[in-house]
């Protein structure tokens, strides 16, 4: 029973990590169509730029602000679950997506 519980817990944490990555992509897309549209206009097709959550923390767009808050809450929850349950990096299949 304990092993089954841990497996479900790991699935949950990995899922939350994936959700964080998807949510971040939505923030980037939303900002690029709104507040950051001037950047989107000058970036050449095929050009790669790596955004970080910090880029959006001071956004004036209330919708981006709410999504950033959600990510911060999600990160706190995931960190707490990892620490409380002594989850090791090698147990996280989604670890490449986590921050």
N, C-alpha and C. Protein backbone atom coordinates (compact mmCIF):
# COMPACT_ATOMS: atom_id res chain seq x y z
N UNK A 1 0.82 -1.19 0.00
CA UNK A 1 0.00 0.00 0.00
C UNK A 1 0.87 1.26 0.00
N UNK A 2 1.90 1.31 0.82
CA UNK A 2 2.79 2.47 0.91
C UNK A 2 3.45 2.76 -0.43
N UNK A 3 3.89 1.72 -1.13
CA UNK A 3 4.55 1.90 -2.42
C UNK A 3 3.56 2.45 -3.46
N UNK A 4 2.35 1.99 -3.43
CA UNK A 4 1.31 2.46 -4.35
C UNK A 4 1.00 3.94 -4.07
N UNK A 5 0.95 4.31 -2.80
CA UNK A 5 0.69 5.69 -2.41
C UNK A 5 1.81 6.61 -2.92
N UNK A 6 3.06 6.18 -2.72
CA UNK A 6 4.20 6.99 -3.17
C UNK A 6 4.18 7.14 -4.68
N UNK A 7 3.84 6.08 -5.38
CA UNK A 7 3.79 6.15 -6.84
C UNK A 7 2.74 7.18 -7.27
N UNK A 8 1.59 7.18 -6.62
CA UNK A 8 0.55 8.16 -6.95
C UNK A 8 1.00 9.58 -6.59
N UNK A 9 1.70 9.71 -5.48
CA UNK A 9 2.23 11.02 -5.08
C UNK A 9 3.23 11.53 -6.11
N UNK A 10 4.13 10.66 -6.56
CA UNK A 10 5.10 11.04 -7.59
C UNK A 10 4.40 11.43 -8.89
N UNK A 11 3.37 10.69 -9.25
CA UNK A 11 2.59 11.04 -10.44
C UNK A 11 1.98 12.43 -10.30
N UNK A 12 1.48 12.72 -9.12
CA UNK A 12 0.87 14.02 -8.86
C UNK A 12 1.90 15.14 -8.97
N UNK A 13 3.05 14.96 -8.36
CA UNK A 13 4.10 15.98 -8.40
C UNK A 13 4.59 16.18 -9.84
N UNK A 14 4.81 15.09 -10.55
CA UNK A 14 5.25 15.20 -11.94
C UNK A 14 4.20 15.92 -12.79
N UNK A 15 2.94 15.63 -12.53
CA UNK A 15 1.86 16.29 -13.26
C UNK A 15 1.87 17.80 -12.98
N UNK A 16 2.04 18.18 -11.72
CA UNK A 16 2.08 19.59 -11.35
C UNK A 16 3.26 20.31 -12.00
N UNK A 17 4.38 19.63 -12.11
CA UNK A 17 5.55 20.20 -12.78
C UNK A 17 5.24 20.44 -14.26
N UNK A 18 4.59 19.47 -14.89
CA UNK A 18 4.19 19.64 -16.29
C UNK A 18 3.19 20.79 -16.46
N UNK A 19 2.26 20.89 -15.53
CA UNK A 19 1.27 21.98 -15.58
C UNK A 19 1.98 23.33 -15.46
N UNK A 20 2.96 23.40 -14.60
CA UNK A 20 3.72 24.65 -14.45
C UNK A 20 4.35 25.06 -15.78
N UNK A 21 4.94 24.12 -16.46
CA UNK A 21 5.59 24.40 -17.76
C UNK A 21 4.56 24.86 -18.79
N UNK A 22 3.42 24.19 -18.83
CA UNK A 22 2.37 24.57 -19.77
C UNK A 22 1.81 25.96 -19.45
N UNK A 23 1.63 26.23 -18.17
CA UNK A 23 1.12 27.52 -17.74
C UNK A 23 2.11 28.63 -18.09
N UNK A 24 3.39 28.37 -17.92
CA UNK A 24 4.40 29.36 -18.28
C UNK A 24 4.35 29.66 -19.78
N UNK A 25 4.18 28.63 -20.58
CA UNK A 25 4.07 28.84 -22.04
C UNK A 25 2.86 29.71 -22.36
N UNK A 26 1.77 29.53 -21.64
CA UNK A 26 0.58 30.35 -21.86
C UNK A 26 0.84 31.81 -21.46
N UNK A 27 1.60 32.02 -20.41
CA UNK A 27 1.96 33.38 -20.00
C UNK A 27 2.77 34.06 -21.10
N UNK A 28 3.76 33.35 -21.63
CA UNK A 28 4.59 33.91 -22.70
C UNK A 28 3.71 34.26 -23.90
N UNK A 29 2.86 33.33 -24.31
CA UNK A 29 2.01 33.57 -25.47
C UNK A 29 1.06 34.75 -25.25
N UNK A 30 0.46 34.83 -24.08
CA UNK A 30 -0.46 35.92 -23.76
C UNK A 30 0.27 37.26 -23.77
N UNK A 31 1.42 37.31 -23.12
CA UNK A 31 2.19 38.56 -23.06
C UNK A 31 2.67 39.00 -24.44
N UNK A 32 3.04 38.04 -25.28
CA UNK A 32 3.52 38.37 -26.62
C UNK A 32 2.41 38.93 -27.51
N UNK A 33 1.18 38.63 -27.21
CA UNK A 33 0.06 39.17 -27.97
C UNK A 33 -0.47 40.46 -27.34
N UNK A 34 -0.01 40.76 -26.13
CA UNK A 34 -0.48 41.95 -25.42
C UNK A 34 0.67 42.88 -25.10
N UNK A 35 1.03 42.89 -23.85
CA UNK A 35 2.01 43.83 -23.33
C UNK A 35 3.38 43.75 -24.02
N UNK A 36 3.78 42.58 -24.46
CA UNK A 36 5.09 42.40 -25.09
C UNK A 36 4.98 42.31 -26.62
N UNK A 37 3.90 42.79 -27.19
CA UNK A 37 3.69 42.66 -28.64
C UNK A 37 4.76 43.38 -29.43
N UNK A 38 5.33 44.46 -28.88
CA UNK A 38 6.40 45.16 -29.59
C UNK A 38 7.63 44.27 -29.74
N UNK A 39 7.90 43.44 -28.76
CA UNK A 39 9.01 42.48 -28.85
C UNK A 39 8.69 41.43 -29.90
N UNK A 40 7.45 40.96 -29.89
CA UNK A 40 7.03 39.94 -30.86
C UNK A 40 7.18 40.46 -32.29
N UNK A 41 6.94 41.74 -32.49
CA UNK A 41 7.02 42.34 -33.82
C UNK A 41 8.44 42.40 -34.35
N UNK A 42 9.43 42.52 -33.48
CA UNK A 42 10.82 42.67 -33.94
C UNK A 42 11.61 41.37 -33.94
N UNK A 43 11.07 40.34 -33.32
CA UNK A 43 11.77 39.05 -33.31
C UNK A 43 11.57 38.36 -34.65
N UNK A 44 12.67 37.99 -35.27
CA UNK A 44 12.62 37.29 -36.55
C UNK A 44 12.10 35.89 -36.37
N UNK A 45 11.40 35.41 -37.37
CA UNK A 45 10.93 34.03 -37.38
C UNK A 45 12.13 33.09 -37.28
N UNK A 46 12.04 32.13 -36.41
CA UNK A 46 13.13 31.19 -36.22
C UNK A 46 14.09 31.60 -35.13
N UNK A 47 14.00 32.84 -34.67
CA UNK A 47 14.85 33.33 -33.59
C UNK A 47 14.37 32.74 -32.27
N UNK A 48 15.29 32.41 -31.42
CA UNK A 48 14.94 31.83 -30.12
C UNK A 48 15.36 32.78 -29.01
N UNK A 49 14.43 33.00 -28.08
CA UNK A 49 14.72 33.79 -26.89
C UNK A 49 14.16 33.03 -25.70
N UNK A 50 14.93 32.95 -24.65
CA UNK A 50 14.49 32.21 -23.47
C UNK A 50 13.94 33.17 -22.42
N UNK A 51 12.65 33.08 -22.18
CA UNK A 51 12.01 33.89 -21.15
C UNK A 51 12.07 33.14 -19.82
N UNK A 52 12.04 33.93 -18.75
CA UNK A 52 11.98 33.39 -17.40
C UNK A 52 10.80 34.06 -16.69
N UNK A 53 10.31 33.46 -15.64
CA UNK A 53 9.18 34.01 -14.92
C UNK A 53 9.44 35.45 -14.48
N UNK A 54 10.67 35.74 -14.15
CA UNK A 54 11.05 37.09 -13.70
C UNK A 54 10.66 38.15 -14.73
N UNK A 55 10.70 37.81 -16.01
CA UNK A 55 10.33 38.77 -17.07
C UNK A 55 8.89 39.25 -16.94
N UNK A 56 8.05 38.45 -16.30
CA UNK A 56 6.62 38.74 -16.26
C UNK A 56 6.12 39.17 -14.88
N UNK A 57 6.98 39.15 -13.88
CA UNK A 57 6.55 39.47 -12.52
C UNK A 57 6.08 40.91 -12.37
N UNK A 58 6.59 41.81 -13.18
CA UNK A 58 6.19 43.22 -13.09
C UNK A 58 5.24 43.62 -14.22
N UNK A 59 4.60 42.65 -14.81
CA UNK A 59 3.67 42.92 -15.90
C UNK A 59 2.55 43.85 -15.43
N UNK A 60 2.11 44.71 -16.33
CA UNK A 60 0.97 45.58 -16.03
C UNK A 60 -0.36 44.91 -16.39
N UNK A 61 -0.29 43.80 -17.10
CA UNK A 61 -1.48 43.07 -17.51
C UNK A 61 -1.99 42.23 -16.33
N UNK A 62 -3.19 42.53 -15.87
CA UNK A 62 -3.75 41.83 -14.71
C UNK A 62 -3.88 40.34 -14.95
N UNK A 63 -4.14 39.94 -16.18
CA UNK A 63 -4.27 38.51 -16.49
C UNK A 63 -2.92 37.80 -16.38
N UNK A 64 -1.88 38.44 -16.87
CA UNK A 64 -0.53 37.88 -16.72
C UNK A 64 -0.16 37.84 -15.24
N UNK A 65 -0.49 38.89 -14.49
CA UNK A 65 -0.21 38.92 -13.06
C UNK A 65 -0.86 37.74 -12.34
N UNK A 66 -2.10 37.46 -12.66
CA UNK A 66 -2.82 36.35 -12.01
C UNK A 66 -2.19 35.01 -12.36
N UNK A 67 -1.77 34.85 -13.60
CA UNK A 67 -1.13 33.60 -14.00
C UNK A 67 0.24 33.44 -13.34
N UNK A 68 0.96 34.54 -13.19
CA UNK A 68 2.26 34.49 -12.49
C UNK A 68 2.03 34.09 -11.03
N UNK A 69 1.02 34.66 -10.39
CA UNK A 69 0.68 34.29 -9.01
C UNK A 69 0.37 32.81 -8.91
N UNK A 70 -0.35 32.29 -9.89
CA UNK A 70 -0.70 30.87 -9.89
C UNK A 70 0.55 30.01 -9.99
N UNK A 71 1.48 30.40 -10.85
CA UNK A 71 2.74 29.64 -10.96
C UNK A 71 3.50 29.68 -9.65
N UNK A 72 3.57 30.83 -9.02
CA UNK A 72 4.30 30.94 -7.75
C UNK A 72 3.68 30.05 -6.68
N UNK A 73 2.36 30.02 -6.63
CA UNK A 73 1.66 29.14 -5.69
C UNK A 73 1.94 27.67 -6.03
N UNK A 74 1.90 27.35 -7.30
CA UNK A 74 2.17 25.99 -7.76
C UNK A 74 3.59 25.57 -7.39
N UNK A 75 4.56 26.45 -7.59
CA UNK A 75 5.95 26.14 -7.25
C UNK A 75 6.11 25.90 -5.74
N UNK A 76 5.45 26.72 -4.95
CA UNK A 76 5.52 26.55 -3.49
C UNK A 76 4.94 25.20 -3.08
N UNK A 77 3.83 24.84 -3.69
CA UNK A 77 3.19 23.56 -3.38
C UNK A 77 4.07 22.39 -3.79
N UNK A 78 4.62 22.45 -4.99
CA UNK A 78 5.49 21.37 -5.46
C UNK A 78 6.73 21.26 -4.57
N UNK A 79 7.34 22.39 -4.25
CA UNK A 79 8.52 22.36 -3.37
C UNK A 79 8.18 21.74 -2.02
N UNK A 80 7.02 22.08 -1.50
CA UNK A 80 6.59 21.54 -0.21
C UNK A 80 6.39 20.03 -0.29
N UNK A 81 5.72 19.58 -1.33
CA UNK A 81 5.50 18.13 -1.51
C UNK A 81 6.82 17.39 -1.65
N UNK A 82 7.74 17.97 -2.40
CA UNK A 82 9.05 17.34 -2.59
C UNK A 82 9.79 17.24 -1.26
N UNK A 83 9.77 18.33 -0.50
CA UNK A 83 10.50 18.35 0.78
C UNK A 83 9.84 17.46 1.83
N UNK A 84 8.53 17.56 1.97
CA UNK A 84 7.82 16.76 2.98
C UNK A 84 7.96 15.27 2.75
N UNK A 85 8.06 14.88 1.50
CA UNK A 85 8.09 13.46 1.16
C UNK A 85 9.47 12.97 0.73
N UNK A 86 10.45 13.83 0.92
CA UNK A 86 11.85 13.49 0.59
C UNK A 86 11.96 12.87 -0.81
N UNK A 87 11.36 13.56 -1.76
CA UNK A 87 11.40 13.09 -3.15
C UNK A 87 12.74 13.49 -3.76
N UNK A 88 13.40 12.52 -4.33
CA UNK A 88 14.71 12.75 -4.95
C UNK A 88 14.54 13.14 -6.41
N UNK A 89 15.53 13.85 -6.96
CA UNK A 89 15.48 14.28 -8.35
C UNK A 89 15.25 13.12 -9.32
N UNK A 90 15.89 11.99 -9.03
CA UNK A 90 15.76 10.86 -9.95
C UNK A 90 14.37 10.22 -9.93
N UNK A 91 13.53 10.63 -8.99
CA UNK A 91 12.16 10.15 -8.95
C UNK A 91 11.22 11.04 -9.77
N UNK A 92 11.71 12.19 -10.19
CA UNK A 92 10.89 13.13 -10.94
C UNK A 92 11.14 12.98 -12.43
N UNK A 93 10.17 12.44 -13.12
CA UNK A 93 10.32 12.28 -14.57
C UNK A 93 10.19 13.61 -15.28
N UNK A 94 9.53 14.59 -14.65
CA UNK A 94 9.32 15.89 -15.27
C UNK A 94 10.35 16.91 -14.78
N UNK A 95 11.43 16.47 -14.15
CA UNK A 95 12.35 17.39 -13.52
C UNK A 95 12.98 18.37 -14.49
N UNK A 96 13.15 17.99 -15.76
CA UNK A 96 13.74 18.90 -16.72
C UNK A 96 12.89 20.14 -16.93
N UNK A 97 11.59 20.02 -16.63
CA UNK A 97 10.67 21.14 -16.82
C UNK A 97 10.52 21.99 -15.57
N UNK A 98 11.13 21.58 -14.49
CA UNK A 98 10.90 22.28 -13.22
C UNK A 98 11.94 23.38 -13.04
N UNK A 99 11.49 24.58 -13.23
CA UNK A 99 12.28 25.81 -13.11
C UNK A 99 13.51 25.75 -13.88
